[in-house]
Protein backbone atom coordinates (compact mmCIF):
# COMPACT_ATOMS: atom_id res chain seq x y z
CA MET A 1 -10.57 4.45 0.57
CA GLY A 2 -11.31 7.92 -0.76
CA ASN A 3 -7.69 9.06 -1.16
CA ILE A 4 -6.76 6.22 -3.48
CA ILE A 5 -9.92 6.68 -5.54
CA VAL A 6 -9.19 10.40 -5.99
CA PHE A 7 -5.64 9.48 -7.02
CA VAL A 8 -6.73 6.98 -9.70
CA ILE A 9 -9.48 9.31 -10.99
CA TYR A 10 -6.76 11.94 -11.48
CA TYR A 11 -4.88 9.49 -13.70
CA GLY A 12 -7.98 8.84 -15.81
CA TYR A 13 -9.22 5.52 -14.47
CA LYS A 14 -12.93 4.80 -14.65
CA ASN A 15 -15.29 2.05 -13.46
CA LEU A 16 -14.08 2.27 -9.87
CA THR A 17 -15.52 0.65 -6.76
CA GLY A 18 -14.60 1.47 -3.18
CA VAL A 19 -15.14 -1.11 -0.46
CA ASP A 20 -14.95 -0.49 3.28
CA ILE A 21 -16.51 -2.14 6.31
CA SER A 22 -16.98 1.21 8.09
CA GLU A 23 -20.34 2.91 7.51
CA LYS A 24 -18.75 6.19 8.57
CA MET A 25 -15.98 5.94 5.95
CA CYS A 26 -18.45 4.92 3.25
CA LYS A 27 -20.67 7.90 4.10
CA ILE A 28 -17.71 10.29 3.85
CA ALA A 29 -16.68 8.75 0.52
CA ARG A 30 -20.22 8.99 -0.91
CA GLU A 31 -20.42 12.65 0.11
CA ASN A 32 -17.05 13.60 -1.38
CA LEU A 33 -16.50 11.41 -4.44
CA PRO A 34 -18.20 11.63 -7.84
CA LYS A 35 -21.59 9.90 -7.88
CA GLU A 36 -20.54 7.40 -10.58
CA ILE A 37 -18.06 5.80 -8.14
CA LYS A 38 -19.66 2.77 -6.48
CA ILE A 39 -19.14 2.74 -2.71
CA ILE A 40 -20.00 -0.56 -1.03
CA CYS A 41 -20.07 -0.97 2.73
CA ILE A 42 -19.12 -4.61 3.21
CA ASP A 43 -16.32 -6.78 4.59
CA ALA A 44 -13.57 -7.11 1.95
CA LEU A 45 -13.54 -10.91 2.17
CA GLU A 46 -17.29 -11.09 1.62
CA PHE A 47 -17.09 -8.67 -1.31
CA LEU A 48 -14.28 -10.61 -3.00
CA ARG A 49 -16.07 -13.96 -2.65
CA ASN A 50 -18.64 -12.72 -5.17
CA ILE A 51 -16.27 -11.77 -8.00
CA GLU A 52 -13.99 -13.92 -10.12
CA ASN A 53 -11.75 -12.94 -13.06
CA ASN A 54 -13.51 -9.60 -13.02
CA THR A 55 -10.98 -6.81 -12.39
CA TYR A 56 -7.58 -5.57 -13.47
CA THR A 57 -6.33 -3.99 -10.25
CA LEU A 58 -7.19 -4.29 -6.57
CA THR A 59 -5.78 -2.07 -3.84
CA ILE A 60 -5.56 -3.15 -0.22
CA ILE A 61 -4.80 -0.11 1.87
CA ASP A 62 -4.06 -0.48 5.60
CA LEU A 63 -5.96 -3.75 5.98
CA ILE A 64 -3.72 -6.82 6.22
CA GLU A 65 -2.05 -5.64 9.43
CA HIS A 66 -5.46 -6.14 11.06
CA MET A 67 -5.52 -9.85 10.10
CA ASN A 68 -3.70 -12.95 11.23
CA VAL A 69 -1.61 -14.65 8.54
CA HIS A 70 -4.31 -17.22 7.74
CA LYS A 71 -6.95 -14.53 7.15
CA ALA A 72 -4.46 -12.40 5.16
CA TYR A 73 -3.76 -15.47 3.00
CA ASN A 74 -7.51 -15.92 2.43
CA LEU A 75 -7.88 -12.25 1.48
CA LEU A 76 -5.02 -12.42 -1.01
CA LYS A 77 -6.31 -15.71 -2.46
CA LEU A 78 -9.70 -14.08 -3.05
CA CYS A 79 -7.90 -11.13 -4.67
CA TYR A 80 -5.99 -13.53 -6.91
CA ASN A 81 -9.24 -15.21 -7.99
CA ALA A 82 -10.94 -11.84 -8.61
CA LEU A 83 -8.21 -10.59 -10.95
CA TYR A 84 -7.98 -11.11 -14.68
CA LYS A 85 -4.81 -12.92 -15.77
CA GLY A 86 -2.07 -10.29 -15.74
CA GLY A 87 -3.99 -8.17 -13.21
CA SER A 88 -2.29 -6.80 -10.13
CA VAL A 89 -2.83 -6.19 -6.45
CA VAL A 90 -1.34 -3.16 -4.69
CA ILE A 91 -0.90 -3.48 -0.93
CA ARG A 92 -0.04 -0.79 1.61
CA THR A 93 0.80 -1.80 5.16
CA PRO A 94 3.12 -0.47 7.87
CA ASN A 95 6.74 -1.26 7.03
CA MET A 96 8.34 -3.42 9.71
CA ALA A 97 11.80 -2.62 8.27
CA ASN A 98 11.38 0.99 9.41
CA ILE A 99 12.95 1.92 12.74
CA PHE A 100 9.53 3.13 13.93
CA ALA A 101 7.92 -0.24 13.15
CA PRO A 102 7.11 -0.98 16.81
CA TYR A 103 5.25 2.33 17.03
CA SER A 104 3.41 1.58 13.80
CA ARG A 105 2.61 -1.98 14.89
CA TYR A 106 1.28 -0.98 18.30
CA MET A 107 -0.24 2.45 17.60
CA ASP A 108 -3.59 0.75 16.96
CA ILE A 109 -4.86 -2.05 19.20
CA THR A 110 -6.46 -3.73 16.18
CA HIS A 111 -3.06 -4.26 14.51
CA ILE A 112 -2.27 -7.96 14.97
CA ASN A 113 0.34 -8.50 12.28
CA GLY A 114 3.28 -6.78 10.65
CA PHE A 115 5.18 -7.30 7.41
CA THR A 116 8.53 -6.53 5.90
CA GLU A 117 8.75 -6.67 2.14
CA TRP A 118 10.30 -10.15 2.44
CA SER A 119 7.50 -11.60 4.59
CA LEU A 120 4.87 -10.01 2.34
CA PHE A 121 6.62 -11.48 -0.72
CA GLN A 122 6.51 -14.92 0.95
CA LEU A 123 2.77 -14.62 1.52
CA LEU A 124 2.20 -13.42 -2.06
CA ASP A 125 4.30 -16.33 -3.38
CA VAL A 126 2.23 -18.88 -1.46
CA VAL A 127 -0.96 -17.40 -2.92
CA GLY A 128 0.43 -17.59 -6.48
CA PHE A 129 1.30 -13.96 -7.25
CA CYS A 130 4.55 -13.19 -9.04
CA ASP A 131 6.88 -10.34 -10.02
CA HIS A 132 6.53 -8.47 -6.73
CA GLN A 133 7.71 -4.86 -6.77
CA VAL A 134 8.25 -2.46 -3.90
CA ILE A 135 7.01 0.97 -4.89
CA LYS A 136 9.50 3.36 -3.34
CA PRO A 137 8.92 7.04 -2.65
CA LYS A 138 10.98 9.33 -4.83
CA VAL A 139 14.00 10.58 -2.99
CA PHE A 140 14.71 13.57 -5.23
CA SER A 141 13.03 15.10 -8.24
CA TYR A 142 14.79 18.02 -9.88
CA GLU A 143 11.53 19.16 -11.53
CA LYS A 144 9.62 19.10 -8.23
CA TRP A 145 12.42 21.00 -6.52
CA ARG A 146 12.58 23.58 -9.33
CA ARG A 147 8.79 24.13 -9.15
CA ASN A 148 8.57 24.37 -5.35
CA ARG A 149 11.71 26.20 -4.26
CA SER A 150 11.60 29.80 -3.16
CA LEU A 151 14.03 32.35 -1.80
CA THR A 152 12.82 31.73 1.75
CA HIS A 153 12.56 27.91 1.40
CA PRO A 154 15.22 26.79 -1.12
CA TRP A 155 15.12 23.21 0.25
CA ARG A 156 11.40 22.76 -0.48
CA GLY A 157 10.93 19.91 -2.95
CA LEU A 158 14.31 18.30 -2.27
CA GLU A 159 12.63 15.40 -0.42
CA LEU A 160 15.22 15.73 2.33
CA ARG A 161 13.10 13.84 4.84
CA GLU A 162 12.97 10.73 2.65
CA PHE A 163 16.68 11.04 1.76
CA ILE A 164 17.70 11.32 5.42
CA ASN A 165 15.38 8.44 6.39
CA MET A 166 16.86 6.18 3.69
CA THR A 167 20.48 7.11 4.53
CA PHE A 168 19.92 6.62 8.27
CA HIS A 169 18.29 3.20 7.79
CA LYS A 170 20.97 2.02 5.35
CA PHE A 171 23.62 3.00 7.91
CA LEU A 172 21.83 1.11 10.70
CA PHE A 173 21.42 -2.00 8.55
CA TRP A 174 25.10 -1.80 7.51
CA LEU A 175 26.16 -1.34 11.15
CA HIS A 176 24.16 -4.41 12.13
CA GLY A 177 25.43 -6.42 9.15
CA GLN A 178 21.86 -7.12 8.07
CA LYS A 179 21.45 -8.55 4.58
CA PRO A 180 19.65 -8.42 2.29
CA LEU A 181 18.82 -4.75 2.63
CA PRO A 182 15.17 -3.83 2.24
CA PHE A 183 14.26 -1.84 -0.87
CA SER A 184 12.12 0.57 1.16
CA PHE A 185 12.62 2.11 4.58
CA SER A 186 9.55 4.35 4.46
CA PHE A 187 6.95 4.29 7.24
CA ASN A 188 4.52 2.37 5.02
CA LEU A 189 5.36 -0.46 2.67
CA LEU A 190 3.78 -0.29 -0.79
CA VAL A 191 3.98 -3.48 -2.89
CA GLN A 192 2.51 -4.39 -6.28
CA SER A 193 2.27 -8.00 -7.44
CA TRP A 194 0.77 -9.70 -10.51
CA LYS A 195 -1.42 -12.70 -11.26
CA ARG A 196 0.24 -15.21 -13.59
């Protein structure tokens, strides 16, 4: 919860609310975030039932993999109802198109579901969301490389890990003849979708 709030504060967003069911996480957030940020310790479904057409953006970080498809549908439907028209939901969940998907899926005994971008798009379609976009990590940024390189670490900032991961996965999918290719092969899948 706290990481995403810090990120959006950095980009100038205001009127933020963080929701988590864990008292421990809420306590950490309250201690480390600015006091004007509302931190509510409540189940996400319960929180969303009380708001309608009331927000522009909702983020769901590492949550839907802990739900069966029916409960995930209910969560996304409540998100849809909570958003203003044209608002968006951003979802992060382990990426089942990644070669380490089984590890990601079973690293936590509370994970009961997994999504590829295609299965997440299907769920979002059923709810009524549209214009789904996979947010991909940057593979290479010349500016970042120029800022971070040094004589002892000239590769720093080249994003070699992400480049190698993408190339390796594309090769495996090509070798298997798998189509369509996923847009993202990163460990986590990050998707944004809009309310009509």
